[in-house]
Every structure is written in C-alpha cells, then in structure tokens.
Amino acid sequence: MVEKESKTGWSVIEMAGKVAGDIQNGAYVNLGIGMPELVAGLVPEGREVIYHTENGLLGMGPPPEEGREDPELINAGKKCVTAIPGACYFHHADSFTMIRGRHIDVCVLGALQVSENGDLANWSTGEPGAIPAVGGAMDLVAGVKTIYVISKHQTKTGEPKIVRECTYPLTGKQVVDRIYTDLAIIDVGKEGLVVREMAPGVDREYLMERTGARLVFP
C-alpha cells in the first residue's frame, strides 16, 4: 500500500483566509493587486470590513456578476468591482489624503522581498529594463497603521523572499508588521522575525532552510 503524501504548506486561498481572520471588525482596509485581492472574499461571517481603493472609492464590494460589469467602476488594479450600500466616491487626491492622514487601518500588500527589520521591496527588481509599478504603495506603507504582507515564501527559482537586507529598491523602511506565506505567519517586531504559526508539514528546520534571515521561535 502506497501512503498518501502529506501536505506541506498552505494554499493561496488558505493564506488569504489567515489574513482575513486577523483583520478586526469595522476596519478600513486597502488591498494590493494580485494575491491580496483574495482577502476580500474570505472575511469571517458576521464581521464587517470596509474596503478602500486609492483611485477614489470607500465601500468597495465584490467583483460583479458576469455580464453586469461597469467599466467606470474599477479598483486600482483596473478590475471591475461593485459598491456596497453607503459607499462613497471622491477625488484621487482626497483618497491619498485619507491614506497619508492615517485614516486607513490595514493594508495588505504583496512582496518581492521583506527584510528582518520590516523593510519592504515590492515594486521593482531594479534590473535594467524592469517596468516600475510602485502605484500608491509608498504612500500606503507610510500612512496606513498596520501593514500585512502576503507572499509565497520563496521565488519560483527557490530563492528566499524573507532576507536579512533587501537587495531590491525599497518601498518603505521598517514598515511591515506581519508576513503571511505558504509556510508560516511571521510577526516583525523589536525581537526580530517571530514565527507565530507554521503551516502543515513545516517544522523549524524546514522553515529556516527556506528563509534568508534569522527567525525567532517563541
């Protein structure tokens, strides 16, 4: 009899569910493009989260049903969205005033690299010919109260994304509060990178081998 191979790590949906479970009821939240967008559909039942998109909407709803898209109602990633009852629209500049004025509680972003002291690089590799895509990320990491990063633990070629020092151009210094990967949930604090939870099939040695920075196991 062949034993079924045990699962190692969380799926992308499970990662996003972990993030959603940590967002407090009533929070105002900005979601980055890509993996962070999955968080919107996984908020626990009975909990209200108000989504903000920096192109001028507070009260962003889920994607519309097929055939009911409004091309003038989009998020910052140019994807069609809906608006919940009570949603409001405003000028792009007013949207960034909300961000810079620290009126947004949580922002969930992707990452190319995160350093052990919470530096974030997520907009460019710095390679010649690379297309920069910073968007509003620099404003978000500087103005939002809590920054969560959701990302695969390693690159497609197996290089760690959590490193001692970022080698890519920085989005912000010491801005990340918590990292969610397919292998672990890690808090960034004065003690360093503190492993809060490990995914199924992951132990200390496995995690350390795939991380380019020192980890603290409480």
N, C-alpha and C. Protein backbone atom coordinates (compact mmCIF):
# COMPACT_ATOMS: atom_id res chain seq x y z
N MET A 1 0.84 -1.20 0.00
CA MET A 1 0.00 0.00 0.00
C MET A 1 0.88 1.25 0.00
N VAL A 2 0.59 2.15 -0.91
CA VAL A 2 1.35 3.39 -1.01
C VAL A 2 0.70 4.45 -0.13
N GLU A 3 1.50 5.03 0.78
CA GLU A 3 0.98 6.07 1.66
C GLU A 3 0.80 7.37 0.89
N LYS A 4 -0.29 8.05 1.19
CA LYS A 4 -0.57 9.34 0.57
C LYS A 4 0.41 10.38 1.10
N GLU A 5 0.99 11.15 0.19
CA GLU A 5 1.97 12.16 0.58
C GLU A 5 1.30 13.24 1.42
N SER A 6 1.90 13.57 2.56
CA SER A 6 1.32 14.58 3.44
C SER A 6 1.49 15.97 2.84
N LYS A 7 0.58 16.84 3.18
CA LYS A 7 0.57 18.20 2.66
C LYS A 7 1.64 19.05 3.34
N THR A 8 2.32 19.85 2.56
CA THR A 8 3.28 20.80 3.11
C THR A 8 2.87 22.20 2.68
N GLY A 9 2.60 23.05 3.66
CA GLY A 9 2.28 24.44 3.37
C GLY A 9 0.80 24.70 3.13
N TRP A 10 0.46 26.00 3.11
CA TRP A 10 -0.90 26.45 2.85
C TRP A 10 -1.07 26.81 1.38
N SER A 11 -2.30 26.64 0.88
CA SER A 11 -2.63 27.12 -0.46
C SER A 11 -2.77 28.64 -0.41
N VAL A 12 -2.85 29.26 -1.58
CA VAL A 12 -3.03 30.71 -1.66
C VAL A 12 -4.34 31.13 -0.98
N ILE A 13 -5.39 30.35 -1.18
CA ILE A 13 -6.67 30.66 -0.55
C ILE A 13 -6.57 30.54 0.97
N GLU A 14 -5.87 29.54 1.45
CA GLU A 14 -5.68 29.39 2.89
C GLU A 14 -4.86 30.54 3.47
N MET A 15 -3.85 30.97 2.73
CA MET A 15 -3.05 32.13 3.16
C MET A 15 -3.93 33.37 3.30
N ALA A 16 -4.75 33.62 2.26
CA ALA A 16 -5.63 34.79 2.29
C ALA A 16 -6.64 34.69 3.42
N GLY A 17 -7.11 33.48 3.70
CA GLY A 17 -8.04 33.28 4.81
C GLY A 17 -7.40 33.61 6.15
N LYS A 18 -6.11 33.29 6.29
CA LYS A 18 -5.40 33.63 7.52
C LYS A 18 -5.34 35.15 7.71
N VAL A 19 -5.07 35.85 6.61
CA VAL A 19 -5.04 37.32 6.68
C VAL A 19 -6.41 37.86 7.06
N ALA A 20 -7.44 37.39 6.38
CA ALA A 20 -8.80 37.87 6.63
C ALA A 20 -9.21 37.65 8.08
N GLY A 21 -8.79 36.53 8.65
CA GLY A 21 -9.16 36.23 10.03
C GLY A 21 -8.52 37.16 11.04
N ASP A 22 -7.43 37.84 10.64
CA ASP A 22 -6.73 38.74 11.56
C ASP A 22 -7.15 40.19 11.42
N ILE A 23 -8.03 40.49 10.48
CA ILE A 23 -8.50 41.87 10.31
C ILE A 23 -9.70 42.10 11.22
N GLN A 24 -9.61 43.12 12.04
CA GLN A 24 -10.64 43.37 13.06
C GLN A 24 -11.94 43.86 12.45
N ASN A 25 -13.03 43.58 13.15
CA ASN A 25 -14.35 44.05 12.75
C ASN A 25 -14.37 45.58 12.67
N GLY A 26 -14.94 46.10 11.60
CA GLY A 26 -15.07 47.54 11.44
C GLY A 26 -13.85 48.23 10.86
N ALA A 27 -12.82 47.47 10.48
CA ALA A 27 -11.59 48.06 9.97
C ALA A 27 -11.77 48.63 8.56
N TYR A 28 -11.03 49.68 8.28
CA TYR A 28 -10.94 50.25 6.94
C TYR A 28 -9.67 49.68 6.29
N VAL A 29 -9.82 49.00 5.15
CA VAL A 29 -8.74 48.18 4.62
C VAL A 29 -8.48 48.48 3.15
N ASN A 30 -7.20 48.59 2.81
CA ASN A 30 -6.78 48.74 1.42
C ASN A 30 -6.08 47.45 1.01
N LEU A 31 -6.45 46.90 -0.14
CA LEU A 31 -5.86 45.67 -0.63
C LEU A 31 -5.02 45.93 -1.87
N GLY A 32 -3.80 45.39 -1.88
CA GLY A 32 -2.95 45.50 -3.04
C GLY A 32 -3.46 44.64 -4.18
N ILE A 33 -2.78 44.72 -5.32
CA ILE A 33 -3.18 43.99 -6.52
C ILE A 33 -2.64 42.57 -6.48
N GLY A 34 -3.42 41.63 -6.97
CA GLY A 34 -2.98 40.24 -7.03
C GLY A 34 -3.46 39.43 -5.85
N MET A 35 -2.55 38.71 -5.21
CA MET A 35 -2.90 37.84 -4.09
C MET A 35 -3.68 38.55 -2.99
N PRO A 36 -3.34 39.79 -2.62
CA PRO A 36 -4.11 40.47 -1.57
C PRO A 36 -5.60 40.60 -1.87
N GLU A 37 -5.97 40.67 -3.16
CA GLU A 37 -7.39 40.83 -3.52
C GLU A 37 -8.24 39.65 -3.05
N LEU A 38 -7.63 38.49 -2.86
CA LEU A 38 -8.37 37.31 -2.43
C LEU A 38 -8.93 37.47 -1.01
N VAL A 39 -8.30 38.34 -0.23
CA VAL A 39 -8.70 38.53 1.16
C VAL A 39 -10.15 39.02 1.26
N ALA A 40 -10.57 39.82 0.28
CA ALA A 40 -11.90 40.43 0.33
C ALA A 40 -13.02 39.42 0.40
N GLY A 41 -12.85 38.26 -0.21
CA GLY A 41 -13.91 37.26 -0.23
C GLY A 41 -13.86 36.27 0.90
N LEU A 42 -12.97 36.48 1.87
CA LEU A 42 -12.76 35.49 2.93
C LEU A 42 -12.95 36.04 4.34
N VAL A 43 -13.58 37.20 4.43
CA VAL A 43 -13.84 37.79 5.75
C VAL A 43 -14.81 36.90 6.52
N PRO A 44 -14.51 36.56 7.77
CA PRO A 44 -15.39 35.68 8.55
C PRO A 44 -16.82 36.22 8.64
N GLU A 45 -17.78 35.34 8.63
CA GLU A 45 -19.18 35.72 8.70
C GLU A 45 -19.46 36.51 9.97
N GLY A 46 -20.25 37.57 9.83
CA GLY A 46 -20.59 38.40 10.97
C GLY A 46 -19.61 39.53 11.22
N ARG A 47 -18.56 39.61 10.42
CA ARG A 47 -17.57 40.66 10.57
C ARG A 47 -17.67 41.63 9.40
N GLU A 48 -17.64 42.92 9.69
CA GLU A 48 -17.73 43.94 8.64
C GLU A 48 -16.37 44.59 8.42
N VAL A 49 -15.95 44.61 7.16
CA VAL A 49 -14.72 45.28 6.77
C VAL A 49 -15.04 46.23 5.63
N ILE A 50 -14.58 47.47 5.73
CA ILE A 50 -14.85 48.49 4.71
C ILE A 50 -13.59 48.64 3.85
N TYR A 51 -13.75 48.35 2.54
CA TYR A 51 -12.60 48.37 1.65
C TYR A 51 -12.45 49.71 0.94
N HIS A 52 -11.19 50.15 0.89
CA HIS A 52 -10.81 51.42 0.27
C HIS A 52 -9.92 51.11 -0.94
N THR A 53 -10.16 51.81 -2.04
CA THR A 53 -9.25 51.71 -3.18
C THR A 53 -8.78 53.11 -3.53
N GLU A 54 -7.48 53.24 -3.75
CA GLU A 54 -6.89 54.59 -3.81
C GLU A 54 -7.29 55.40 -5.03
N ASN A 55 -8.00 54.78 -6.00
CA ASN A 55 -8.47 55.59 -7.12
C ASN A 55 -9.81 56.28 -6.82
N GLY A 56 -10.30 56.17 -5.55
CA GLY A 56 -11.41 57.03 -5.16
C GLY A 56 -12.70 56.38 -4.74
N LEU A 57 -12.65 55.25 -4.03
CA LEU A 57 -13.87 54.59 -3.58
C LEU A 57 -13.67 54.03 -2.17
N LEU A 58 -14.60 54.33 -1.29
CA LEU A 58 -14.64 53.74 0.04
C LEU A 58 -15.96 52.97 0.15
N GLY A 59 -15.86 51.66 0.39
CA GLY A 59 -17.04 50.81 0.37
C GLY A 59 -17.06 49.94 -0.87
N MET A 60 -15.86 49.47 -1.26
CA MET A 60 -15.75 48.61 -2.44
C MET A 60 -16.33 47.24 -2.14
N GLY A 61 -17.17 46.75 -3.06
CA GLY A 61 -17.78 45.45 -2.89
C GLY A 61 -17.07 44.39 -3.70
N PRO A 62 -17.66 43.19 -3.77
CA PRO A 62 -17.04 42.09 -4.51
C PRO A 62 -17.10 42.31 -6.02
N PRO A 63 -16.39 41.49 -6.79
CA PRO A 63 -16.48 41.59 -8.26
C PRO A 63 -17.92 41.39 -8.72
N PRO A 64 -18.32 42.07 -9.79
CA PRO A 64 -19.70 41.95 -10.28
C PRO A 64 -19.95 40.59 -10.95
N GLU A 65 -21.21 40.24 -11.07
CA GLU A 65 -21.57 39.03 -11.81
C GLU A 65 -21.21 39.22 -13.28
N GLU A 66 -20.90 38.13 -13.93
CA GLU A 66 -20.53 38.20 -15.35
C GLU A 66 -21.67 38.81 -16.16
N GLY A 67 -21.32 39.78 -16.96
CA GLY A 67 -22.31 40.46 -17.78
C GLY A 67 -22.87 41.72 -17.15
N ARG A 68 -22.53 41.95 -15.86
CA ARG A 68 -23.03 43.14 -15.16
C ARG A 68 -21.89 44.08 -14.77
N GLU A 69 -20.77 43.97 -15.45
CA GLU A 69 -19.63 44.83 -15.15
C GLU A 69 -19.89 46.27 -15.58
N ASP A 70 -19.42 47.20 -14.78
CA ASP A 70 -19.48 48.62 -15.12
C ASP A 70 -18.04 49.07 -15.36
N PRO A 71 -17.67 49.39 -16.59
CA PRO A 71 -16.28 49.75 -16.90
C PRO A 71 -15.82 51.02 -16.20
N GLU A 72 -16.77 51.80 -15.65
CA GLU A 72 -16.39 53.02 -14.93
C GLU A 72 -16.28 52.78 -13.43
N LEU A 73 -16.52 51.54 -12.98
CA LEU A 73 -16.42 51.22 -11.55
C LEU A 73 -15.33 50.15 -11.40
N ILE A 74 -14.10 50.62 -11.16
CA ILE A 74 -12.95 49.73 -11.10
C ILE A 74 -12.12 50.02 -9.85
N ASN A 75 -11.26 49.05 -9.50
CA ASN A 75 -10.32 49.28 -8.40
C ASN A 75 -9.00 49.80 -8.95
N ALA A 76 -8.00 49.93 -8.09
CA ALA A 76 -6.72 50.50 -8.52
C ALA A 76 -6.00 49.59 -9.50
N GLY A 77 -6.37 48.30 -9.52
CA GLY A 77 -5.78 47.37 -10.48
C GLY A 77 -6.54 47.29 -11.78
N LYS A 78 -7.49 48.21 -11.96
CA LYS A 78 -8.30 48.31 -13.19
C LYS A 78 -9.24 47.11 -13.36
N LYS A 79 -9.59 46.46 -12.27
CA LYS A 79 -10.55 45.36 -12.32
C LYS A 79 -11.92 45.86 -11.90
N CYS A 80 -12.97 45.36 -12.55
CA CYS A 80 -14.32 45.79 -12.22
C CYS A 80 -14.71 45.33 -10.82
N VAL A 81 -15.35 46.23 -10.09
CA VAL A 81 -15.80 45.93 -8.74
C VAL A 81 -17.25 46.40 -8.60
N THR A 82 -17.81 46.21 -7.42
CA THR A 82 -19.11 46.76 -7.09
C THR A 82 -18.95 47.70 -5.90
N ALA A 83 -20.02 48.37 -5.55
CA ALA A 83 -20.02 49.27 -4.39
C ALA A 83 -21.12 48.82 -3.43
N ILE A 84 -20.80 48.78 -2.14
CA ILE A 84 -21.78 48.37 -1.14
C ILE A 84 -22.70 49.55 -0.80
N PRO A 85 -23.87 49.30 -0.21
CA PRO A 85 -24.73 50.41 0.23
C PRO A 85 -23.97 51.35 1.17
N GLY A 86 -24.08 52.64 0.91
CA GLY A 86 -23.37 53.62 1.73
C GLY A 86 -21.99 53.97 1.23
N ALA A 87 -21.55 53.34 0.13
CA ALA A 87 -20.23 53.63 -0.43
C ALA A 87 -20.16 55.08 -0.90
N CYS A 88 -18.95 55.62 -0.92
CA CYS A 88 -18.78 56.99 -1.39
C CYS A 88 -17.60 57.09 -2.34
N TYR A 89 -17.70 58.06 -3.25
CA TYR A 89 -16.68 58.29 -4.26
C TYR A 89 -16.04 59.65 -4.01
N PHE A 90 -14.78 59.77 -4.38
CA PHE A 90 -14.07 61.03 -4.13
C PHE A 90 -12.89 61.15 -5.07
N HIS A 91 -12.32 62.35 -5.07
CA HIS A 91 -11.18 62.66 -5.93
C HIS A 91 -9.97 61.83 -5.51
N HIS A 92 -9.13 61.52 -6.49
CA HIS A 92 -7.91 60.76 -6.24
C HIS A 92 -7.06 61.41 -5.14
N ALA A 93 -6.97 62.73 -5.16
CA ALA A 93 -6.18 63.44 -4.16
C ALA A 93 -6.77 63.28 -2.77
N ASP A 94 -8.10 63.29 -2.67
CA ASP A 94 -8.74 63.09 -1.37
C ASP A 94 -8.47 61.67 -0.86
N SER A 95 -8.42 60.72 -1.78
CA SER A 95 -8.13 59.34 -1.40
C SER A 95 -6.75 59.23 -0.77
N PHE A 96 -5.78 59.91 -1.35
CA PHE A 96 -4.43 59.86 -0.78
C PHE A 96 -4.31 60.69 0.49
N THR A 97 -5.19 61.68 0.65
CA THR A 97 -5.24 62.40 1.92
C THR A 97 -5.70 61.46 3.04
N MET A 98 -6.65 60.58 2.73
CA MET A 98 -7.08 59.57 3.70
C MET A 98 -5.92 58.66 4.10
N ILE A 99 -5.14 58.25 3.09
CA ILE A 99 -4.00 57.37 3.35
C ILE A 99 -2.93 58.09 4.16
N ARG A 100 -2.54 59.25 3.70
CA ARG A 100 -1.45 59.99 4.37
C ARG A 100 -1.87 60.50 5.74
N GLY A 101 -3.18 60.69 5.93
CA GLY A 101 -3.67 61.14 7.23
C GLY A 101 -3.90 60.01 8.22
N ARG A 102 -3.50 58.78 7.85
CA ARG A 102 -3.58 57.60 8.72
C ARG A 102 -5.02 57.26 9.09
N HIS A 103 -5.92 57.39 8.12
CA HIS A 103 -7.33 57.03 8.34
C HIS A 103 -7.64 55.60 7.89
N ILE A 104 -6.67 54.93 7.26
CA ILE A 104 -6.85 53.54 6.85
C ILE A 104 -6.17 52.65 7.89
N ASP A 105 -6.89 51.63 8.34
CA ASP A 105 -6.38 50.80 9.44
C ASP A 105 -5.39 49.74 9.00
N VAL A 106 -5.67 49.08 7.89
CA VAL A 106 -4.86 47.94 7.45
C VAL A 106 -4.64 48.01 5.95
N CYS A 107 -3.44 47.66 5.52
CA CYS A 107 -3.16 47.49 4.10
C CYS A 107 -2.51 46.12 3.90
N VAL A 108 -2.98 45.39 2.91
CA VAL A 108 -2.42 44.07 2.59
C VAL A 108 -1.73 44.18 1.24
N LEU A 109 -0.42 43.88 1.22
CA LEU A 109 0.38 44.04 0.01
C LEU A 109 1.14 42.76 -0.33
N GLY A 110 1.51 42.61 -1.59
CA GLY A 110 2.42 41.55 -1.99
C GLY A 110 3.86 42.02 -1.77
N ALA A 111 4.82 41.13 -2.03
CA ALA A 111 6.21 41.49 -1.79
C ALA A 111 7.15 40.75 -2.72
N LEU A 112 8.23 41.44 -3.09
CA LEU A 112 9.36 40.79 -3.73
C LEU A 112 10.35 40.35 -2.66
N GLN A 113 10.55 41.22 -1.65
CA GLN A 113 11.43 40.91 -0.52
C GLN A 113 10.93 41.63 0.73
N VAL A 114 11.15 40.99 1.88
CA VAL A 114 10.94 41.63 3.18
C VAL A 114 12.19 41.35 4.01
N SER A 115 12.75 42.39 4.63
CA SER A 115 13.95 42.20 5.44
C SER A 115 13.58 41.86 6.88
N GLU A 116 14.57 41.44 7.65
CA GLU A 116 14.30 41.01 9.02
C GLU A 116 13.92 42.17 9.94
N ASN A 117 14.14 43.42 9.50
CA ASN A 117 13.68 44.54 10.31
C ASN A 117 12.42 45.20 9.73
N GLY A 118 11.77 44.52 8.77
CA GLY A 118 10.49 45.01 8.25
C GLY A 118 10.57 45.91 7.06
N ASP A 119 11.74 46.05 6.43
CA ASP A 119 11.82 46.79 5.17
C ASP A 119 11.04 46.02 4.10
N LEU A 120 10.40 46.75 3.20
CA LEU A 120 9.61 46.12 2.14
C LEU A 120 10.09 46.57 0.77
N ALA A 121 10.28 45.60 -0.12
CA ALA A 121 10.54 45.88 -1.54
C ALA A 121 9.47 45.15 -2.34
N ASN A 122 8.64 45.91 -3.05
CA ASN A 122 7.56 45.24 -3.79
C ASN A 122 7.19 45.90 -5.11
N TRP A 123 8.05 46.78 -5.63
CA TRP A 123 7.64 47.49 -6.84
C TRP A 123 8.59 47.33 -8.01
N SER A 124 9.83 46.90 -7.77
CA SER A 124 10.78 46.74 -8.87
C SER A 124 11.95 45.87 -8.43
N THR A 125 12.50 45.10 -9.37
CA THR A 125 13.72 44.34 -9.09
C THR A 125 14.96 45.19 -9.30
N GLY A 126 14.78 46.35 -9.92
CA GLY A 126 15.92 47.21 -10.19
C GLY A 126 16.73 46.80 -11.41
N GLU A 127 16.31 45.73 -12.08
CA GLU A 127 17.04 45.26 -13.26
C GLU A 127 16.84 46.23 -14.42
N PRO A 128 17.87 46.35 -15.27
CA PRO A 128 17.72 47.21 -16.46
C PRO A 128 16.53 46.77 -17.31
N GLY A 129 15.68 47.71 -17.65
CA GLY A 129 14.51 47.40 -18.46
C GLY A 129 13.30 46.96 -17.67
N ALA A 130 13.46 46.81 -16.33
CA ALA A 130 12.32 46.40 -15.50
C ALA A 130 11.27 47.52 -15.49
N ILE A 131 10.02 47.13 -15.55
CA ILE A 131 8.93 48.11 -15.58
C ILE A 131 8.54 48.45 -14.15
N PRO A 132 8.76 49.68 -13.69
CA PRO A 132 8.38 50.03 -12.32
C PRO A 132 6.87 50.06 -12.15
N ALA A 133 6.40 49.61 -11.00
CA ALA A 133 4.96 49.54 -10.76
C ALA A 133 4.66 49.89 -9.31
N VAL A 134 5.16 51.04 -8.88
CA VAL A 134 5.02 51.39 -7.46
C VAL A 134 3.58 51.76 -7.10
N GLY A 135 2.84 52.38 -8.03
CA GLY A 135 1.47 52.78 -7.71
C GLY A 135 1.42 53.61 -6.45
N GLY A 136 0.47 53.27 -5.56
CA GLY A 136 0.35 54.02 -4.31
C GLY A 136 1.05 53.34 -3.14
N ALA A 137 1.88 52.34 -3.43
CA ALA A 137 2.45 51.53 -2.35
C ALA A 137 3.28 52.34 -1.37
N MET A 138 4.07 53.29 -1.85
CA MET A 138 4.92 54.07 -0.94
C MET A 138 4.08 54.91 0.00
N ASP A 139 2.99 55.46 -0.50
CA ASP A 139 2.09 56.22 0.37
C ASP A 139 1.41 55.29 1.37
N LEU A 140 1.01 54.12 0.91
CA LEU A 140 0.30 53.18 1.78
C LEU A 140 1.18 52.71 2.94
N VAL A 141 2.43 52.34 2.67
CA VAL A 141 3.27 51.84 3.75
C VAL A 141 3.66 52.95 4.72
N ALA A 142 3.64 54.21 4.23
CA ALA A 142 3.99 55.32 5.10
C ALA A 142 2.80 55.82 5.92
N GLY A 143 1.57 55.63 5.39
CA GLY A 143 0.42 56.24 6.04
C GLY A 143 -0.56 55.31 6.70
N VAL A 144 -0.56 54.02 6.34
CA VAL A 144 -1.53 53.08 6.91
C VAL A 144 -1.00 52.54 8.24
N LYS A 145 -1.90 52.36 9.20
CA LYS A 145 -1.49 51.99 10.56
C LYS A 145 -0.84 50.62 10.65
N THR A 146 -1.38 49.63 9.94
CA THR A 146 -0.88 48.25 10.00
C THR A 146 -0.65 47.71 8.60
N ILE A 147 0.54 47.17 8.36
CA ILE A 147 0.89 46.63 7.04
C ILE A 147 1.09 45.12 7.14
N TYR A 148 0.25 44.39 6.41
CA TYR A 148 0.39 42.94 6.28
C TYR A 148 0.93 42.62 4.89
N VAL A 149 1.86 41.69 4.82
CA VAL A 149 2.38 41.21 3.54
C VAL A 149 1.92 39.78 3.33
N ILE A 150 1.42 39.48 2.14
CA ILE A 150 1.06 38.11 1.78
C ILE A 150 1.87 37.74 0.54
N SER A 151 2.61 36.63 0.62
CA SER A 151 3.53 36.28 -0.46
C SER A 151 3.96 34.83 -0.32
N LYS A 152 4.35 34.22 -1.43
CA LYS A 152 5.00 32.92 -1.35
C LYS A 152 6.32 33.09 -0.58
N HIS A 153 6.72 32.06 0.13
CA HIS A 153 7.92 32.14 0.96
C HIS A 153 9.19 32.24 0.12
N GLN A 154 9.15 31.64 -1.07
CA GLN A 154 10.31 31.65 -1.96
C GLN A 154 9.90 32.08 -3.37
N THR A 155 10.89 32.48 -4.14
CA THR A 155 10.65 32.80 -5.54
C THR A 155 10.45 31.50 -6.33
N LYS A 156 10.10 31.63 -7.59
CA LYS A 156 9.90 30.46 -8.44
C LYS A 156 11.19 29.66 -8.62
N THR A 157 12.32 30.33 -8.42
CA THR A 157 13.61 29.65 -8.54
C THR A 157 14.16 29.19 -7.20
N GLY A 158 13.35 29.31 -6.14
CA GLY A 158 13.75 28.79 -4.84
C GLY A 158 14.53 29.73 -3.96
N GLU A 159 14.65 30.99 -4.33
CA GLU A 159 15.37 31.97 -3.50
C GLU A 159 14.43 32.51 -2.42
N PRO A 160 14.95 32.75 -1.21
CA PRO A 160 14.09 33.27 -0.15
C PRO A 160 13.62 34.69 -0.41
N LYS A 161 12.39 34.97 -0.05
CA LYS A 161 11.87 36.33 -0.15
C LYS A 161 12.03 37.07 1.18
N ILE A 162 12.21 36.34 2.26
CA ILE A 162 12.47 36.94 3.56
C ILE A 162 13.97 36.90 3.78
N VAL A 163 14.58 38.07 3.84
CA VAL A 163 16.04 38.17 3.80
C VAL A 163 16.57 39.09 4.92
N ARG A 164 17.88 39.02 5.13
CA ARG A 164 18.49 39.92 6.13
C ARG A 164 18.36 41.37 5.70
N GLU A 165 18.73 41.67 4.44
CA GLU A 165 18.60 43.01 3.88
C GLU A 165 18.05 42.90 2.47
N CYS A 166 17.14 43.79 2.12
CA CYS A 166 16.57 43.79 0.77
C CYS A 166 17.63 44.22 -0.24
N THR A 167 17.69 43.54 -1.36
CA THR A 167 18.60 43.92 -2.43
C THR A 167 17.86 44.65 -3.55
N TYR A 168 16.54 44.65 -3.49
CA TYR A 168 15.73 45.37 -4.47
C TYR A 168 15.41 46.78 -3.95
N PRO A 169 15.03 47.70 -4.82
CA PRO A 169 14.67 49.05 -4.38
C PRO A 169 13.54 49.00 -3.34
N LEU A 170 13.70 49.76 -2.26
CA LEU A 170 12.73 49.71 -1.17
C LEU A 170 11.46 50.49 -1.47
N THR A 171 10.36 49.95 -0.96
CA THR A 171 9.08 50.66 -0.93
C THR A 171 8.99 51.48 0.35
N GLY A 172 9.49 50.91 1.45
CA GLY A 172 9.49 51.60 2.73
C GLY A 172 10.39 50.88 3.72
N LYS A 173 10.91 51.64 4.68
CA LYS A 173 11.80 51.08 5.71
C LYS A 173 11.01 50.79 6.99
N GLN A 174 11.22 49.61 7.53
CA GLN A 174 10.64 49.20 8.80
C GLN A 174 9.13 49.46 8.85
N VAL A 175 8.44 48.96 7.83
CA VAL A 175 7.01 49.25 7.70
C VAL A 175 6.13 48.01 7.88
N VAL A 176 6.68 46.81 7.69
CA VAL A 176 5.88 45.58 7.71
C VAL A 176 5.64 45.13 9.15
N ASP A 177 4.38 44.82 9.46
CA ASP A 177 4.02 44.34 10.79
C ASP A 177 3.92 42.81 10.86
N ARG A 178 3.43 42.20 9.77
CA ARG A 178 3.25 40.75 9.78
C ARG A 178 3.37 40.21 8.36
N ILE A 179 3.95 39.00 8.25
CA ILE A 179 4.15 38.36 6.95
C ILE A 179 3.38 37.04 6.93
N TYR A 180 2.60 36.85 5.88
CA TYR A 180 1.86 35.61 5.68
C TYR A 180 2.41 34.92 4.43
N THR A 181 2.96 33.73 4.59
CA THR A 181 3.46 32.99 3.44
C THR A 181 2.79 31.61 3.41
N ASP A 182 3.14 30.83 2.41
CA ASP A 182 2.60 29.48 2.33
C ASP A 182 3.20 28.55 3.37
N LEU A 183 4.26 29.01 4.06
CA LEU A 183 4.92 28.17 5.06
C LEU A 183 4.70 28.63 6.50
N ALA A 184 4.46 29.92 6.71
CA ALA A 184 4.36 30.41 8.09
C ALA A 184 3.73 31.80 8.15
N ILE A 185 3.32 32.15 9.37
CA ILE A 185 2.91 33.52 9.69
C ILE A 185 3.97 34.06 10.63
N ILE A 186 4.55 35.20 10.28
CA ILE A 186 5.70 35.74 11.00
C ILE A 186 5.45 37.19 11.38
N ASP A 187 5.60 37.50 12.65
CA ASP A 187 5.48 38.88 13.13
C ASP A 187 6.83 39.57 13.05
N VAL A 188 6.81 40.85 12.69
CA VAL A 188 8.03 41.66 12.65
C VAL A 188 8.00 42.61 13.84
N GLY A 189 8.97 42.47 14.73
CA GLY A 189 8.98 43.30 15.93
C GLY A 189 10.38 43.61 16.41
N LYS A 190 10.48 44.15 17.60
CA LYS A 190 11.78 44.51 18.16
C LYS A 190 12.67 43.29 18.36
N GLU A 191 12.04 42.11 18.57
CA GLU A 191 12.81 40.88 18.77
C GLU A 191 13.29 40.29 17.45
N GLY A 192 12.82 40.83 16.34
CA GLY A 192 13.15 40.29 15.03
C GLY A 192 11.95 39.64 14.38
N LEU A 193 12.19 38.59 13.63
CA LEU A 193 11.13 37.86 12.94
C LEU A 193 10.65 36.72 13.83
N VAL A 194 9.48 36.90 14.41
CA VAL A 194 8.96 35.93 15.36
C VAL A 194 7.92 35.04 14.66
N VAL A 195 8.19 33.75 14.64
CA VAL A 195 7.30 32.80 13.99
C VAL A 195 6.08 32.58 14.86
N ARG A 196 4.94 33.01 14.34
CA ARG A 196 3.70 32.92 15.09
C ARG A 196 2.98 31.59 14.85
N GLU A 197 3.06 31.10 13.61
CA GLU A 197 2.40 29.84 13.26
C GLU A 197 3.09 29.24 12.04
N MET A 198 3.21 27.92 12.02
CA MET A 198 3.78 27.22 10.87
C MET A 198 2.70 26.39 10.19
N ALA A 199 2.80 26.28 8.88
CA ALA A 199 1.81 25.55 8.09
C ALA A 199 1.97 24.04 8.28
N PRO A 200 0.96 23.28 7.89
CA PRO A 200 1.05 21.83 7.98
C PRO A 200 2.27 21.29 7.24
N GLY A 201 2.98 20.36 7.85
CA GLY A 201 4.15 19.75 7.23
C GLY A 201 5.42 20.55 7.36
N VAL A 202 5.36 21.70 8.01
CA VAL A 202 6.52 22.58 8.15
C VAL A 202 7.03 22.52 9.59
N ASP A 203 8.34 22.28 9.75
CA ASP A 203 8.95 22.35 11.08
C ASP A 203 10.03 23.42 11.08
N ARG A 204 10.70 23.61 12.21
CA ARG A 204 11.69 24.69 12.33
C ARG A 204 12.80 24.58 11.29
N GLU A 205 13.36 23.40 11.15
CA GLU A 205 14.47 23.21 10.22
C GLU A 205 14.05 23.49 8.79
N TYR A 206 12.89 22.99 8.40
CA TYR A 206 12.37 23.20 7.05
C TYR A 206 12.20 24.69 6.77
N LEU A 207 11.64 25.41 7.74
CA LEU A 207 11.39 26.84 7.57
C LEU A 207 12.69 27.63 7.51
N MET A 208 13.63 27.31 8.38
CA MET A 208 14.90 28.04 8.41
C MET A 208 15.70 27.84 7.13
N GLU A 209 15.63 26.64 6.56
CA GLU A 209 16.36 26.36 5.32
C GLU A 209 15.85 27.21 4.16
N ARG A 210 14.62 27.66 4.24
CA ARG A 210 13.99 28.40 3.15
C ARG A 210 13.84 29.89 3.45
N THR A 211 14.49 30.34 4.51
CA THR A 211 14.43 31.74 4.93
C THR A 211 15.84 32.32 4.96
N GLY A 212 15.98 33.52 4.40
CA GLY A 212 17.30 34.14 4.34
C GLY A 212 17.57 35.11 5.46
N ALA A 213 16.87 34.95 6.59
CA ALA A 213 17.06 35.82 7.74
C ALA A 213 16.89 35.00 9.02
N ARG A 214 17.33 35.57 10.13
CA ARG A 214 17.21 34.89 11.41
C ARG A 214 15.75 34.86 11.86
N LEU A 215 15.30 33.71 12.35
CA LEU A 215 13.94 33.56 12.85
C LEU A 215 13.97 33.32 14.36
N VAL A 216 12.93 33.82 15.01
CA VAL A 216 12.78 33.60 16.46
C VAL A 216 11.56 32.71 16.66
N PHE A 217 11.77 31.62 17.41
CA PHE A 217 10.68 30.70 17.70
C PHE A 217 10.31 30.82 19.18
N PRO A 218 9.16 31.42 19.50
CA PRO A 218 8.81 31.61 20.91
C PRO A 218 8.50 30.28 21.59
